[in-house]
């Protein structure tokens, strides 16, 4: 069993949103096309095309940052720390009087970024474990996830 307490901030939400958004093929294609438009626009002196390409490249990360900042500031869930308990039964998230346990069978996948460990519990939501707040428990969290989830659903780098 591993217990930890974390407070999710705007930067943590931004990290999650980047991983979720750029995990979709269409968004990667849009960024590549935008970048190609910038390069071709500059090379061919078609500056309006270069500007449009730059807007395409910059739009998604900027809007994700704005959304993350607004979400962290407005939702009460992110104003107080979340208490996580990971054990053989699943992942329990509690805050104040509320508590929810998600069995490992209901966790879709676990991935990592340089900043966080993410356990996706539905197609568009995840439990976020910011590495900087886990400290020495990072390895224990990774071990618990790896032991309780199917190996084909875990892609965590230490």
N, C-alpha and C. Protein backbone atom coordinates (compact mmCIF):
# COMPACT_ATOMS: atom_id res chain seq x y z
N UNK A 1 0.84 -1.17 0.00
CA UNK A 1 0.00 0.00 0.00
C UNK A 1 0.90 1.25 0.00
N UNK A 2 0.49 2.21 -0.82
CA UNK A 2 1.21 3.48 -0.90
C UNK A 2 0.20 4.60 -0.68
N UNK A 3 0.55 5.52 0.20
CA UNK A 3 -0.29 6.69 0.45
C UNK A 3 0.50 7.94 0.12
N UNK A 4 -0.17 8.91 -0.49
CA UNK A 4 0.46 10.19 -0.76
C UNK A 4 -0.60 11.27 -0.88
N UNK A 5 -0.15 12.49 -0.71
CA UNK A 5 -1.05 13.63 -0.81
C UNK A 5 -0.43 14.63 -1.77
N UNK A 6 -1.24 15.07 -2.75
CA UNK A 6 -0.74 16.00 -3.75
C UNK A 6 -1.75 17.12 -3.98
N UNK A 7 -1.23 18.24 -4.39
CA UNK A 7 -2.08 19.37 -4.77
C UNK A 7 -1.82 19.62 -6.25
N UNK A 8 -2.85 19.46 -7.05
CA UNK A 8 -2.73 19.62 -8.49
C UNK A 8 -2.83 21.10 -8.83
N UNK A 9 -1.83 21.60 -9.53
CA UNK A 9 -1.81 23.00 -9.94
C UNK A 9 -1.97 23.14 -11.45
N UNK A 10 -1.92 24.36 -11.92
CA UNK A 10 -2.09 24.65 -13.35
C UNK A 10 -1.02 23.96 -14.19
N UNK A 11 0.22 23.94 -13.72
CA UNK A 11 1.30 23.31 -14.49
C UNK A 11 1.09 21.80 -14.61
N UNK A 12 0.56 21.19 -13.56
CA UNK A 12 0.27 19.75 -13.59
C UNK A 12 -0.86 19.45 -14.57
N UNK A 13 -1.89 20.29 -14.56
CA UNK A 13 -3.00 20.12 -15.50
C UNK A 13 -2.52 20.35 -16.94
N UNK A 14 -1.65 21.32 -17.13
CA UNK A 14 -1.11 21.59 -18.46
C UNK A 14 -0.32 20.39 -18.97
N UNK A 15 0.48 19.78 -18.10
CA UNK A 15 1.24 18.59 -18.47
C UNK A 15 0.30 17.46 -18.90
N UNK A 16 -0.76 17.24 -18.12
CA UNK A 16 -1.76 16.23 -18.48
C UNK A 16 -2.42 16.57 -19.82
N UNK A 17 -2.84 17.82 -19.98
CA UNK A 17 -3.52 18.22 -21.22
C UNK A 17 -2.61 18.06 -22.44
N UNK A 18 -1.34 18.36 -22.30
CA UNK A 18 -0.41 18.16 -23.42
C UNK A 18 -0.32 16.68 -23.78
N UNK A 19 -0.16 15.83 -22.78
CA UNK A 19 -0.04 14.38 -23.02
C UNK A 19 -1.32 13.84 -23.66
N UNK A 20 -2.45 14.25 -23.13
CA UNK A 20 -3.73 13.78 -23.66
C UNK A 20 -3.95 14.28 -25.08
N UNK A 21 -3.72 15.56 -25.32
CA UNK A 21 -4.00 16.16 -26.63
C UNK A 21 -3.05 15.66 -27.70
N UNK A 22 -1.76 15.63 -27.39
CA UNK A 22 -0.79 15.18 -28.39
C UNK A 22 -0.71 13.66 -28.48
N UNK A 23 -1.54 12.98 -27.73
CA UNK A 23 -1.68 11.54 -27.89
C UNK A 23 -2.66 11.19 -29.00
N UNK A 24 -3.26 12.20 -29.57
CA UNK A 24 -4.21 12.00 -30.66
C UNK A 24 -3.54 12.33 -31.99
N UNK A 25 -3.69 11.45 -32.92
CA UNK A 25 -3.02 11.55 -34.22
C UNK A 25 -3.34 12.86 -34.94
N UNK A 26 -4.59 13.27 -34.91
CA UNK A 26 -5.01 14.46 -35.66
C UNK A 26 -4.30 15.72 -35.16
N UNK A 27 -4.05 15.80 -33.87
CA UNK A 27 -3.37 16.97 -33.32
C UNK A 27 -1.89 16.99 -33.71
N UNK A 28 -1.29 15.83 -33.78
CA UNK A 28 0.10 15.76 -34.23
C UNK A 28 0.18 16.16 -35.70
N UNK A 29 -0.76 15.69 -36.50
CA UNK A 29 -0.79 16.05 -37.92
C UNK A 29 -0.96 17.57 -38.08
N UNK A 30 -1.84 18.16 -37.30
CA UNK A 30 -2.05 19.61 -37.38
C UNK A 30 -0.78 20.37 -37.06
N UNK A 31 -0.05 19.94 -36.05
CA UNK A 31 1.20 20.61 -35.70
C UNK A 31 2.24 20.46 -36.80
N UNK A 32 2.34 19.27 -37.39
CA UNK A 32 3.30 19.04 -38.47
C UNK A 32 2.94 19.89 -39.69
N UNK A 33 1.67 19.92 -40.04
CA UNK A 33 1.24 20.73 -41.19
C UNK A 33 1.49 22.22 -40.91
N UNK A 34 1.23 22.67 -39.70
CA UNK A 34 1.50 24.06 -39.34
C UNK A 34 2.97 24.39 -39.45
N UNK A 35 3.81 23.49 -38.95
CA UNK A 35 5.26 23.70 -39.02
C UNK A 35 5.73 23.73 -40.47
N UNK A 36 5.20 22.80 -41.29
CA UNK A 36 5.56 22.78 -42.71
C UNK A 36 5.12 24.06 -43.41
N UNK A 37 3.97 24.59 -43.04
CA UNK A 37 3.49 25.84 -43.62
C UNK A 37 4.42 27.00 -43.25
N UNK A 38 4.93 27.00 -42.04
CA UNK A 38 5.87 28.04 -41.63
C UNK A 38 7.14 27.95 -42.46
N UNK A 39 7.70 26.75 -42.55
CA UNK A 39 8.95 26.57 -43.29
C UNK A 39 8.75 26.91 -44.76
N UNK A 40 7.71 26.38 -45.37
CA UNK A 40 7.47 26.66 -46.80
C UNK A 40 7.15 28.14 -47.02
N UNK A 41 6.38 28.74 -46.12
CA UNK A 41 6.04 30.16 -46.25
C UNK A 41 7.26 31.05 -46.20
N UNK A 42 8.19 30.74 -45.31
CA UNK A 42 9.42 31.53 -45.22
C UNK A 42 10.31 31.27 -46.43
N UNK A 43 10.45 30.00 -46.81
CA UNK A 43 11.31 29.63 -47.94
C UNK A 43 10.82 30.25 -49.24
N UNK A 44 9.52 30.27 -49.44
CA UNK A 44 8.96 30.77 -50.70
C UNK A 44 8.55 32.25 -50.62
N UNK A 45 8.87 32.89 -49.49
CA UNK A 45 8.51 34.30 -49.26
C UNK A 45 7.00 34.52 -49.28
N UNK A 46 6.25 33.50 -48.93
CA UNK A 46 4.80 33.59 -48.80
C UNK A 46 4.51 33.81 -47.32
N UNK A 47 4.72 35.03 -46.85
CA UNK A 47 4.65 35.33 -45.43
C UNK A 47 3.26 35.16 -44.82
N UNK A 48 2.18 35.42 -45.56
CA UNK A 48 0.86 35.12 -44.96
C UNK A 48 0.71 33.63 -44.61
N UNK A 49 1.23 32.76 -45.48
CA UNK A 49 1.20 31.32 -45.19
C UNK A 49 2.03 31.00 -43.96
N UNK A 50 3.18 31.63 -43.83
CA UNK A 50 4.04 31.40 -42.66
C UNK A 50 3.35 31.84 -41.38
N UNK A 51 2.64 32.97 -41.44
CA UNK A 51 1.93 33.46 -40.26
C UNK A 51 0.79 32.52 -39.89
N UNK A 52 0.05 32.07 -40.88
CA UNK A 52 -1.05 31.12 -40.61
C UNK A 52 -0.48 29.83 -40.01
N UNK A 53 0.62 29.33 -40.56
CA UNK A 53 1.26 28.13 -40.02
C UNK A 53 1.70 28.34 -38.59
N UNK A 54 2.27 29.51 -38.30
CA UNK A 54 2.72 29.80 -36.93
C UNK A 54 1.53 29.85 -35.97
N UNK A 55 0.42 30.40 -36.43
CA UNK A 55 -0.78 30.43 -35.58
C UNK A 55 -1.27 29.02 -35.28
N UNK A 56 -1.22 28.15 -36.28
CA UNK A 56 -1.64 26.76 -36.08
C UNK A 56 -0.73 26.08 -35.06
N UNK A 57 0.57 26.31 -35.17
CA UNK A 57 1.54 25.68 -34.26
C UNK A 57 1.37 26.19 -32.84
N UNK A 58 1.11 27.47 -32.67
CA UNK A 58 1.06 28.09 -31.35
C UNK A 58 -0.31 27.95 -30.69
N UNK A 59 -1.36 27.87 -31.48
CA UNK A 59 -2.73 27.89 -30.96
C UNK A 59 -2.98 26.83 -29.90
N UNK A 60 -2.69 25.58 -30.20
CA UNK A 60 -3.03 24.49 -29.30
C UNK A 60 -2.31 24.58 -27.95
N UNK A 61 -1.00 24.74 -27.90
CA UNK A 61 -0.36 24.84 -26.59
C UNK A 61 -0.83 26.05 -25.78
N UNK A 62 -1.07 27.17 -26.44
CA UNK A 62 -1.52 28.36 -25.72
C UNK A 62 -2.92 28.15 -25.15
N UNK A 63 -3.82 27.61 -25.94
CA UNK A 63 -5.18 27.38 -25.44
C UNK A 63 -5.19 26.33 -24.33
N UNK A 64 -4.32 25.33 -24.43
CA UNK A 64 -4.23 24.34 -23.35
C UNK A 64 -3.74 24.98 -22.06
N UNK A 65 -2.78 25.89 -22.16
CA UNK A 65 -2.29 26.57 -20.96
C UNK A 65 -3.39 27.43 -20.34
N UNK A 66 -4.10 28.17 -21.17
CA UNK A 66 -5.19 29.01 -20.67
C UNK A 66 -6.25 28.16 -19.99
N UNK A 67 -6.64 27.07 -20.63
CA UNK A 67 -7.66 26.18 -20.06
C UNK A 67 -7.18 25.58 -18.74
N UNK A 68 -5.93 25.17 -18.68
CA UNK A 68 -5.39 24.58 -17.46
C UNK A 68 -5.37 25.59 -16.32
N UNK A 69 -4.97 26.81 -16.63
CA UNK A 69 -4.93 27.86 -15.62
C UNK A 69 -6.32 28.18 -15.10
N UNK A 70 -7.28 28.29 -16.01
CA UNK A 70 -8.66 28.58 -15.60
C UNK A 70 -9.24 27.43 -14.77
N UNK A 71 -9.00 26.21 -15.19
CA UNK A 71 -9.52 25.05 -14.47
C UNK A 71 -8.95 24.99 -13.06
N UNK A 72 -7.64 25.18 -12.94
CA UNK A 72 -7.00 25.13 -11.61
C UNK A 72 -7.51 26.25 -10.71
N UNK A 73 -7.82 27.39 -11.29
CA UNK A 73 -8.28 28.53 -10.49
C UNK A 73 -9.75 28.43 -10.11
N UNK A 74 -10.57 27.83 -10.96
CA UNK A 74 -12.01 27.86 -10.76
C UNK A 74 -12.60 26.64 -10.06
N UNK A 75 -12.06 25.46 -10.32
CA UNK A 75 -12.65 24.25 -9.74
C UNK A 75 -12.20 24.03 -8.30
N UNK A 76 -13.15 23.81 -7.41
CA UNK A 76 -12.79 23.60 -6.00
C UNK A 76 -11.94 22.35 -5.79
N UNK A 77 -12.03 21.38 -6.68
CA UNK A 77 -11.25 20.15 -6.57
C UNK A 77 -9.76 20.43 -6.50
N UNK A 78 -9.32 21.46 -7.20
CA UNK A 78 -7.89 21.75 -7.28
C UNK A 78 -7.41 22.78 -6.27
N UNK A 79 -8.29 23.20 -5.39
CA UNK A 79 -7.90 24.18 -4.37
C UNK A 79 -7.34 23.51 -3.11
N UNK A 80 -7.68 22.24 -2.91
CA UNK A 80 -7.22 21.50 -1.74
C UNK A 80 -6.45 20.27 -2.20
N UNK A 81 -5.57 19.75 -1.35
CA UNK A 81 -4.82 18.54 -1.71
C UNK A 81 -5.73 17.32 -1.85
N UNK A 82 -5.31 16.42 -2.72
CA UNK A 82 -5.98 15.13 -2.90
C UNK A 82 -5.16 14.07 -2.18
N UNK A 83 -5.84 13.15 -1.52
CA UNK A 83 -5.18 12.05 -0.82
C UNK A 83 -5.35 10.78 -1.65
N UNK A 84 -4.24 10.17 -2.03
CA UNK A 84 -4.27 8.95 -2.83
C UNK A 84 -3.82 7.77 -1.99
N UNK A 85 -4.52 6.65 -2.16
CA UNK A 85 -4.11 5.38 -1.58
C UNK A 85 -4.11 4.35 -2.71
N UNK A 86 -2.96 3.74 -2.94
CA UNK A 86 -2.83 2.71 -3.95
C UNK A 86 -2.58 1.39 -3.22
N UNK A 87 -3.42 0.41 -3.49
CA UNK A 87 -3.23 -0.91 -2.92
C UNK A 87 -3.70 -1.96 -3.92
N UNK A 88 -3.77 -3.21 -3.49
CA UNK A 88 -4.16 -4.29 -4.41
C UNK A 88 -5.60 -4.17 -4.90
N UNK A 89 -6.43 -3.43 -4.18
CA UNK A 89 -7.83 -3.26 -4.58
C UNK A 89 -8.03 -2.20 -5.65
N UNK A 90 -7.14 -1.25 -5.70
CA UNK A 90 -7.28 -0.19 -6.68
C UNK A 90 -6.69 1.11 -6.20
N UNK A 91 -7.16 2.16 -6.79
CA UNK A 91 -6.69 3.51 -6.54
C UNK A 91 -7.81 4.29 -5.86
N UNK A 92 -7.57 4.73 -4.63
CA UNK A 92 -8.56 5.50 -3.89
C UNK A 92 -8.14 6.96 -3.84
N UNK A 93 -9.05 7.82 -4.27
CA UNK A 93 -8.82 9.25 -4.25
C UNK A 93 -9.82 9.85 -3.26
N UNK A 94 -9.31 10.63 -2.32
CA UNK A 94 -10.21 11.25 -1.36
C UNK A 94 -9.81 12.70 -1.14
N UNK A 95 -10.84 13.47 -0.82
CA UNK A 95 -10.66 14.89 -0.51
C UNK A 95 -11.77 15.28 0.44
N UNK A 96 -11.39 15.68 1.63
CA UNK A 96 -12.41 16.00 2.63
C UNK A 96 -13.22 14.77 2.98
N UNK A 97 -14.54 14.88 2.88
CA UNK A 97 -15.44 13.78 3.20
C UNK A 97 -15.66 12.82 2.03
N UNK A 98 -15.31 13.24 0.83
CA UNK A 98 -15.57 12.44 -0.36
C UNK A 98 -14.41 11.49 -0.65
N UNK A 99 -14.77 10.30 -1.13
CA UNK A 99 -13.77 9.29 -1.46
C UNK A 99 -14.29 8.42 -2.59
N UNK A 100 -13.40 8.05 -3.48
CA UNK A 100 -13.78 7.20 -4.61
C UNK A 100 -12.66 6.20 -4.86
N UNK A 101 -13.03 4.93 -4.99
CA UNK A 101 -12.06 3.89 -5.30
C UNK A 101 -12.29 3.40 -6.71
N UNK A 102 -11.22 3.33 -7.48
CA UNK A 102 -11.27 2.84 -8.85
C UNK A 102 -10.45 1.56 -8.89
N UNK A 103 -11.09 0.47 -9.26
CA UNK A 103 -10.36 -0.80 -9.29
C UNK A 103 -9.35 -0.77 -10.43
N UNK A 104 -8.30 -1.55 -10.28
CA UNK A 104 -7.25 -1.58 -11.31
C UNK A 104 -7.81 -2.04 -12.65
N UNK A 105 -8.83 -2.89 -12.63
CA UNK A 105 -9.44 -3.35 -13.89
C UNK A 105 -10.09 -2.21 -14.66
N UNK A 106 -10.51 -1.16 -13.95
CA UNK A 106 -11.16 -0.02 -14.60
C UNK A 106 -10.17 1.06 -15.02
N UNK A 107 -8.90 0.88 -14.73
CA UNK A 107 -7.88 1.83 -15.18
C UNK A 107 -7.46 1.43 -16.59
N UNK A 108 -7.56 2.36 -17.51
CA UNK A 108 -7.31 2.06 -18.92
C UNK A 108 -5.84 1.94 -19.25
N UNK A 109 -5.04 2.90 -18.78
CA UNK A 109 -3.61 2.85 -19.04
C UNK A 109 -2.89 3.76 -18.06
N UNK A 110 -1.60 3.50 -17.92
CA UNK A 110 -0.75 4.34 -17.08
C UNK A 110 0.45 4.76 -17.92
N UNK A 111 0.69 6.06 -17.97
CA UNK A 111 1.80 6.60 -18.75
C UNK A 111 2.55 7.61 -17.90
N UNK A 112 3.69 8.04 -18.41
CA UNK A 112 4.46 9.03 -17.67
C UNK A 112 4.92 10.14 -18.60
N UNK A 113 5.17 11.27 -18.00
CA UNK A 113 5.83 12.38 -18.65
C UNK A 113 7.03 12.70 -17.76
N UNK A 114 7.81 13.66 -18.16
CA UNK A 114 8.94 14.03 -17.31
C UNK A 114 8.46 14.65 -16.01
N UNK A 115 7.23 15.14 -16.01
CA UNK A 115 6.70 15.87 -14.85
C UNK A 115 5.73 15.03 -14.01
N UNK A 116 5.03 14.06 -14.62
CA UNK A 116 3.93 13.36 -13.92
C UNK A 116 3.84 11.89 -14.29
N UNK A 117 3.13 11.18 -13.43
CA UNK A 117 2.66 9.83 -13.74
C UNK A 117 1.16 9.96 -13.87
N UNK A 118 0.61 9.45 -14.96
CA UNK A 118 -0.82 9.60 -15.24
C UNK A 118 -1.47 8.22 -15.32
N UNK A 119 -2.54 8.03 -14.57
CA UNK A 119 -3.32 6.79 -14.65
C UNK A 119 -4.68 7.19 -15.22
N UNK A 120 -4.91 6.79 -16.48
CA UNK A 120 -6.16 7.14 -17.15
C UNK A 120 -7.28 6.23 -16.66
N UNK A 121 -8.33 6.86 -16.15
CA UNK A 121 -9.46 6.13 -15.60
C UNK A 121 -10.67 6.16 -16.53
N UNK A 122 -10.60 6.98 -17.56
CA UNK A 122 -11.60 7.00 -18.63
C UNK A 122 -10.90 7.57 -19.85
N UNK A 123 -11.63 7.67 -20.94
CA UNK A 123 -11.03 8.14 -22.17
C UNK A 123 -10.42 9.53 -22.07
N UNK A 124 -10.98 10.39 -21.23
CA UNK A 124 -10.48 11.76 -21.17
C UNK A 124 -10.18 12.25 -19.77
N UNK A 125 -10.05 11.36 -18.81
CA UNK A 125 -9.67 11.80 -17.47
C UNK A 125 -8.62 10.86 -16.88
N UNK A 126 -7.80 11.44 -16.04
CA UNK A 126 -6.72 10.67 -15.45
C UNK A 126 -6.46 11.14 -14.03
N UNK A 127 -5.86 10.26 -13.26
CA UNK A 127 -5.36 10.62 -11.95
C UNK A 127 -3.92 11.08 -12.17
N UNK A 128 -3.61 12.25 -11.65
CA UNK A 128 -2.30 12.86 -11.88
C UNK A 128 -1.45 12.72 -10.62
N UNK A 129 -0.26 12.18 -10.79
CA UNK A 129 0.72 12.08 -9.71
C UNK A 129 1.91 12.94 -10.09
N UNK A 130 1.96 14.19 -9.64
CA UNK A 130 3.12 15.04 -9.96
C UNK A 130 4.39 14.48 -9.30
N UNK A 131 5.40 14.23 -10.09
CA UNK A 131 6.64 13.64 -9.57
C UNK A 131 7.28 14.50 -8.48
N UNK A 132 7.23 15.82 -8.64
CA UNK A 132 7.90 16.69 -7.67
C UNK A 132 7.23 16.64 -6.30
N UNK A 133 5.98 16.20 -6.23
CA UNK A 133 5.30 16.11 -4.94
C UNK A 133 5.37 14.70 -4.35
N UNK A 134 5.67 13.71 -5.18
CA UNK A 134 5.77 12.34 -4.68
C UNK A 134 7.08 12.11 -3.95
N UNK A 135 8.13 12.79 -4.40
CA UNK A 135 9.43 12.64 -3.76
C UNK A 135 9.92 11.21 -3.78
N UNK A 136 10.26 10.68 -2.60
CA UNK A 136 10.80 9.33 -2.50
C UNK A 136 9.73 8.25 -2.71
N UNK A 137 8.48 8.63 -2.80
CA UNK A 137 7.40 7.66 -3.04
C UNK A 137 7.18 7.39 -4.53
N UNK A 138 7.89 8.09 -5.40
CA UNK A 138 7.71 7.92 -6.84
C UNK A 138 7.92 6.47 -7.24
N UNK A 139 9.00 5.88 -6.80
CA UNK A 139 9.30 4.48 -7.14
C UNK A 139 8.23 3.54 -6.61
N UNK A 140 7.75 3.78 -5.40
CA UNK A 140 6.71 2.93 -4.82
C UNK A 140 5.40 3.03 -5.61
N UNK A 141 5.06 4.25 -6.05
CA UNK A 141 3.84 4.44 -6.84
C UNK A 141 3.96 3.69 -8.17
N UNK A 142 5.11 3.83 -8.83
CA UNK A 142 5.33 3.14 -10.10
C UNK A 142 5.26 1.63 -9.92
N UNK A 143 5.88 1.12 -8.86
CA UNK A 143 5.84 -0.32 -8.59
C UNK A 143 4.43 -0.81 -8.34
N UNK A 144 3.66 -0.07 -7.57
CA UNK A 144 2.29 -0.47 -7.25
C UNK A 144 1.44 -0.50 -8.53
N UNK A 145 1.57 0.52 -9.35
CA UNK A 145 0.82 0.56 -10.62
C UNK A 145 1.24 -0.61 -11.51
N UNK A 146 2.53 -0.83 -11.64
CA UNK A 146 3.05 -1.89 -12.51
C UNK A 146 2.65 -3.28 -12.04
N UNK A 147 2.56 -3.48 -10.74
CA UNK A 147 2.20 -4.79 -10.20
C UNK A 147 0.71 -5.08 -10.34
N UNK A 148 -0.12 -4.05 -10.37
CA UNK A 148 -1.56 -4.26 -10.34
C UNK A 148 -2.27 -4.04 -11.68
N UNK A 149 -1.57 -3.47 -12.64
CA UNK A 149 -2.16 -3.28 -13.96
C UNK A 149 -1.48 -4.22 -14.96
N UNK A 150 -2.20 -4.56 -16.00
CA UNK A 150 -1.66 -5.41 -17.04
C UNK A 150 -0.45 -4.71 -17.68
N UNK A 151 0.63 -5.43 -17.93
CA UNK A 151 1.84 -4.82 -18.49
C UNK A 151 1.62 -4.11 -19.84
N UNK A 152 0.65 -4.58 -20.63
CA UNK A 152 0.39 -3.94 -21.91
C UNK A 152 -0.34 -2.59 -21.77
N UNK A 153 -0.77 -2.27 -20.56
CA UNK A 153 -1.44 -0.98 -20.32
C UNK A 153 -0.57 -0.01 -19.52
N UNK A 154 0.68 -0.40 -19.26
CA UNK A 154 1.58 0.45 -18.48
C UNK A 154 2.77 0.87 -19.33
N UNK A 155 2.96 2.17 -19.45
CA UNK A 155 4.11 2.71 -20.19
C UNK A 155 4.69 3.86 -19.36
N UNK A 156 5.37 3.46 -18.30
CA UNK A 156 5.94 4.44 -17.37
C UNK A 156 7.45 4.32 -17.42
N UNK A 157 8.08 5.47 -17.61
CA UNK A 157 9.53 5.54 -17.58
C UNK A 157 9.95 6.20 -16.27
N UNK A 158 10.92 5.64 -15.64
CA UNK A 158 11.39 6.19 -14.34
C UNK A 158 12.13 7.45 -14.49
